[in-house]
């Protein structure tokens, strides 16, 4: 694992220390890693949403669509071998 040092103003360091104490993180590094992971997830979701928004329209999703999905799932469950 690589190491990265960051400088924070006293007010931000105090905030990080408080979050570590109150939210059960073992270290400030754990807290910062969690923030970075959440930001990565947010960026990935944003990318997927933008890709979906720019894609071609499809047929409307209605009750019949969901009924067909349920039937496909039920069919797969019935055909799977039991362990």
N, C-alpha and C. Protein backbone atom coordinates (compact mmCIF):
# COMPACT_ATOMS: atom_id res chain seq x y z
N UNK A 1 0.86 -1.17 0.00
CA UNK A 1 0.00 0.00 0.00
C UNK A 1 0.90 1.23 0.00
N UNK A 2 0.55 2.20 -0.82
CA UNK A 2 1.30 3.44 -0.90
C UNK A 2 0.90 4.39 0.21
N UNK A 3 1.77 5.31 0.49
CA UNK A 3 1.51 6.32 1.51
C UNK A 3 1.38 7.68 0.86
N UNK A 4 0.45 8.48 1.37
CA UNK A 4 0.25 9.84 0.90
C UNK A 4 0.06 10.73 2.11
N UNK A 5 0.81 11.79 2.16
CA UNK A 5 0.67 12.75 3.25
C UNK A 5 -0.12 13.94 2.76
N UNK A 6 -1.06 14.40 3.55
CA UNK A 6 -1.83 15.58 3.19
C UNK A 6 -1.76 16.59 4.33
N UNK A 7 -1.87 17.83 3.97
CA UNK A 7 -1.89 18.90 4.97
C UNK A 7 -3.31 19.43 5.08
N UNK A 8 -3.78 19.60 6.31
CA UNK A 8 -5.12 20.10 6.56
C UNK A 8 -5.05 21.27 7.53
N UNK A 9 -5.92 22.25 7.33
CA UNK A 9 -6.03 23.28 8.37
C UNK A 9 -6.52 22.64 9.66
N UNK A 10 -6.25 23.29 10.76
CA UNK A 10 -6.63 22.73 12.07
C UNK A 10 -8.12 22.39 12.15
N UNK A 11 -8.95 23.22 11.55
CA UNK A 11 -10.39 22.98 11.63
C UNK A 11 -10.78 21.69 10.90
N UNK A 12 -10.16 21.42 9.74
CA UNK A 12 -10.47 20.18 9.02
C UNK A 12 -9.89 18.97 9.74
N UNK A 13 -8.71 19.09 10.30
CA UNK A 13 -8.13 17.98 11.06
C UNK A 13 -9.01 17.64 12.25
N UNK A 14 -9.50 18.66 12.93
CA UNK A 14 -10.40 18.43 14.06
C UNK A 14 -11.67 17.72 13.61
N UNK A 15 -12.20 18.12 12.46
CA UNK A 15 -13.39 17.48 11.92
C UNK A 15 -13.12 16.01 11.61
N UNK A 16 -11.99 15.72 10.95
CA UNK A 16 -11.64 14.34 10.63
C UNK A 16 -11.49 13.52 11.91
N UNK A 17 -10.79 14.06 12.88
CA UNK A 17 -10.61 13.35 14.15
C UNK A 17 -11.95 13.06 14.82
N UNK A 18 -12.85 14.01 14.76
CA UNK A 18 -14.18 13.83 15.35
C UNK A 18 -14.95 12.73 14.62
N UNK A 19 -14.86 12.71 13.29
CA UNK A 19 -15.55 11.68 12.51
C UNK A 19 -14.98 10.30 12.82
N UNK A 20 -13.68 10.22 12.96
CA UNK A 20 -13.04 8.94 13.29
C UNK A 20 -13.56 8.44 14.63
N UNK A 21 -13.62 9.32 15.60
CA UNK A 21 -14.09 8.93 16.94
C UNK A 21 -15.57 8.55 16.94
N UNK A 22 -16.40 9.37 16.30
CA UNK A 22 -17.85 9.18 16.37
C UNK A 22 -18.36 8.07 15.47
N UNK A 23 -17.67 7.81 14.37
CA UNK A 23 -18.20 6.87 13.40
C UNK A 23 -17.50 5.52 13.40
N UNK A 24 -16.62 5.31 14.34
CA UNK A 24 -16.03 3.99 14.51
C UNK A 24 -14.88 3.64 13.58
N UNK A 25 -14.26 4.61 12.96
CA UNK A 25 -13.09 4.33 12.14
C UNK A 25 -11.90 4.11 13.06
N UNK A 26 -10.99 3.25 12.64
CA UNK A 26 -9.81 3.01 13.45
C UNK A 26 -8.78 4.12 13.34
N UNK A 27 -8.70 4.69 12.14
CA UNK A 27 -7.72 5.74 11.90
C UNK A 27 -8.29 6.78 10.94
N UNK A 28 -7.62 7.90 10.86
CA UNK A 28 -8.04 8.92 9.90
C UNK A 28 -7.86 8.41 8.47
N UNK A 29 -6.88 7.53 8.25
CA UNK A 29 -6.68 6.95 6.91
C UNK A 29 -7.89 6.14 6.48
N UNK A 30 -8.47 5.37 7.41
CA UNK A 30 -9.67 4.60 7.08
C UNK A 30 -10.81 5.53 6.67
N UNK A 31 -10.96 6.62 7.38
CA UNK A 31 -12.02 7.59 7.08
C UNK A 31 -11.80 8.20 5.69
N UNK A 32 -10.58 8.61 5.39
CA UNK A 32 -10.29 9.23 4.09
C UNK A 32 -10.47 8.21 2.97
N UNK A 33 -10.03 6.96 3.18
CA UNK A 33 -10.24 5.93 2.16
C UNK A 33 -11.72 5.73 1.87
N UNK A 34 -12.54 5.74 2.91
CA UNK A 34 -13.99 5.60 2.73
C UNK A 34 -14.55 6.77 1.92
N UNK A 35 -14.10 7.98 2.20
CA UNK A 35 -14.55 9.14 1.43
C UNK A 35 -14.16 9.01 -0.04
N UNK A 36 -12.96 8.54 -0.29
CA UNK A 36 -12.50 8.38 -1.67
C UNK A 36 -13.32 7.31 -2.38
N UNK A 37 -13.58 6.19 -1.71
CA UNK A 37 -14.41 5.13 -2.31
C UNK A 37 -15.80 5.65 -2.64
N UNK A 38 -16.39 6.40 -1.74
CA UNK A 38 -17.72 6.97 -2.00
C UNK A 38 -17.70 7.91 -3.18
N UNK A 39 -16.64 8.69 -3.31
CA UNK A 39 -16.53 9.61 -4.45
C UNK A 39 -16.37 8.82 -5.75
N UNK A 40 -15.59 7.74 -5.72
CA UNK A 40 -15.47 6.88 -6.90
C UNK A 40 -16.82 6.31 -7.29
N UNK A 41 -17.57 5.82 -6.31
CA UNK A 41 -18.92 5.28 -6.59
C UNK A 41 -19.83 6.35 -7.17
N UNK A 42 -19.76 7.56 -6.63
CA UNK A 42 -20.58 8.66 -7.12
C UNK A 42 -20.24 8.98 -8.56
N UNK A 43 -18.95 9.02 -8.88
CA UNK A 43 -18.53 9.31 -10.25
C UNK A 43 -18.95 8.22 -11.22
N UNK A 44 -18.86 6.96 -10.77
CA UNK A 44 -19.29 5.86 -11.63
C UNK A 44 -20.80 5.93 -11.88
N UNK A 45 -21.57 6.20 -10.84
CA UNK A 45 -23.01 6.32 -11.00
C UNK A 45 -23.36 7.47 -11.93
N UNK A 46 -22.67 8.60 -11.78
CA UNK A 46 -22.90 9.75 -12.65
C UNK A 46 -22.63 9.38 -14.10
N UNK A 47 -21.54 8.66 -14.33
CA UNK A 47 -21.19 8.24 -15.68
C UNK A 47 -22.27 7.33 -16.27
N UNK A 48 -22.76 6.38 -15.47
CA UNK A 48 -23.82 5.49 -15.94
C UNK A 48 -25.11 6.25 -16.23
N UNK A 49 -25.44 7.21 -15.37
CA UNK A 49 -26.65 8.00 -15.60
C UNK A 49 -26.54 8.84 -16.87
N UNK A 50 -25.38 9.43 -17.09
CA UNK A 50 -25.19 10.22 -18.30
C UNK A 50 -25.23 9.35 -19.55
N UNK A 51 -24.64 8.16 -19.46
CA UNK A 51 -24.69 7.23 -20.60
C UNK A 51 -26.13 6.82 -20.89
N UNK A 52 -26.89 6.56 -19.83
CA UNK A 52 -28.30 6.20 -20.02
C UNK A 52 -29.11 7.35 -20.60
N UNK A 53 -28.83 8.55 -20.13
CA UNK A 53 -29.57 9.71 -20.62
C UNK A 53 -29.28 10.00 -22.09
N UNK A 54 -28.08 9.66 -22.54
CA UNK A 54 -27.74 9.94 -23.93
C UNK A 54 -28.02 8.76 -24.86
N UNK A 55 -28.48 7.65 -24.31
CA UNK A 55 -28.78 6.48 -25.15
C UNK A 55 -30.13 6.65 -25.83
N UNK A 56 -30.32 5.84 -26.84
CA UNK A 56 -31.58 5.90 -27.60
C UNK A 56 -32.75 5.44 -26.73
N UNK A 57 -33.90 6.04 -26.93
CA UNK A 57 -35.09 5.62 -26.16
C UNK A 57 -35.46 4.17 -26.50
N UNK A 58 -36.05 3.50 -25.54
CA UNK A 58 -36.51 2.12 -25.73
C UNK A 58 -38.02 2.08 -25.53
N UNK A 59 -38.56 0.89 -25.66
CA UNK A 59 -39.99 0.72 -25.44
C UNK A 59 -40.31 1.05 -23.99
N UNK A 60 -41.47 1.61 -23.73
CA UNK A 60 -41.85 1.93 -22.34
C UNK A 60 -41.89 0.67 -21.48
N UNK A 61 -41.53 0.84 -20.23
CA UNK A 61 -41.59 -0.26 -19.28
C UNK A 61 -42.95 -0.19 -18.60
N UNK A 62 -43.69 -1.29 -18.72
CA UNK A 62 -45.03 -1.32 -18.14
C UNK A 62 -45.21 -2.61 -17.35
N UNK A 63 -46.40 -2.84 -16.90
CA UNK A 63 -46.67 -4.02 -16.08
C UNK A 63 -46.36 -5.32 -16.83
N UNK A 64 -46.65 -5.35 -18.12
CA UNK A 64 -46.38 -6.56 -18.91
C UNK A 64 -44.87 -6.86 -18.95
N UNK A 65 -44.06 -5.83 -19.04
CA UNK A 65 -42.61 -6.01 -19.04
C UNK A 65 -42.16 -6.69 -17.74
N UNK A 66 -42.63 -6.17 -16.61
CA UNK A 66 -42.24 -6.75 -15.33
C UNK A 66 -42.80 -8.16 -15.15
N UNK A 67 -43.99 -8.41 -15.66
CA UNK A 67 -44.55 -9.76 -15.61
C UNK A 67 -43.67 -10.74 -16.38
N UNK A 68 -43.18 -10.32 -17.55
CA UNK A 68 -42.33 -11.21 -18.35
C UNK A 68 -41.00 -11.46 -17.64
N UNK A 69 -40.47 -10.44 -16.97
CA UNK A 69 -39.24 -10.64 -16.20
C UNK A 69 -39.45 -11.65 -15.08
N UNK A 70 -40.56 -11.53 -14.38
CA UNK A 70 -40.85 -12.47 -13.30
C UNK A 70 -40.94 -13.90 -13.83
N UNK A 71 -41.57 -14.07 -14.96
CA UNK A 71 -41.71 -15.40 -15.55
C UNK A 71 -40.36 -15.97 -15.94
N UNK A 72 -39.48 -15.14 -16.51
CA UNK A 72 -38.14 -15.60 -16.88
C UNK A 72 -37.37 -16.04 -15.65
N UNK A 73 -37.46 -15.27 -14.57
CA UNK A 73 -36.75 -15.62 -13.34
C UNK A 73 -37.32 -16.92 -12.77
N UNK A 74 -38.61 -17.04 -12.73
CA UNK A 74 -39.22 -18.26 -12.21
C UNK A 74 -38.81 -19.46 -13.04
N UNK A 75 -38.73 -19.28 -14.35
CA UNK A 75 -38.31 -20.38 -15.23
C UNK A 75 -36.89 -20.80 -14.96
N UNK A 76 -36.01 -19.85 -14.71
CA UNK A 76 -34.61 -20.18 -14.42
C UNK A 76 -34.48 -20.87 -13.07
N UNK A 77 -35.26 -20.43 -12.11
CA UNK A 77 -35.20 -21.05 -10.78
C UNK A 77 -35.65 -22.50 -10.87
N UNK A 78 -36.68 -22.77 -11.65
CA UNK A 78 -37.20 -24.14 -11.79
C UNK A 78 -36.22 -25.05 -12.50
N UNK A 79 -35.43 -24.51 -13.44
CA UNK A 79 -34.53 -25.34 -14.23
C UNK A 79 -33.15 -25.52 -13.62
N UNK A 80 -32.83 -24.79 -12.56
CA UNK A 80 -31.52 -24.92 -11.93
C UNK A 80 -31.47 -26.21 -11.12
N UNK A 81 -30.35 -26.96 -11.25
CA UNK A 81 -30.23 -28.19 -10.44
C UNK A 81 -30.10 -27.85 -8.97
N UNK A 82 -30.65 -28.71 -8.16
CA UNK A 82 -30.57 -28.50 -6.70
C UNK A 82 -29.25 -29.05 -6.19
N UNK A 83 -28.65 -28.32 -5.30
CA UNK A 83 -27.33 -28.74 -4.77
C UNK A 83 -27.46 -29.72 -3.64
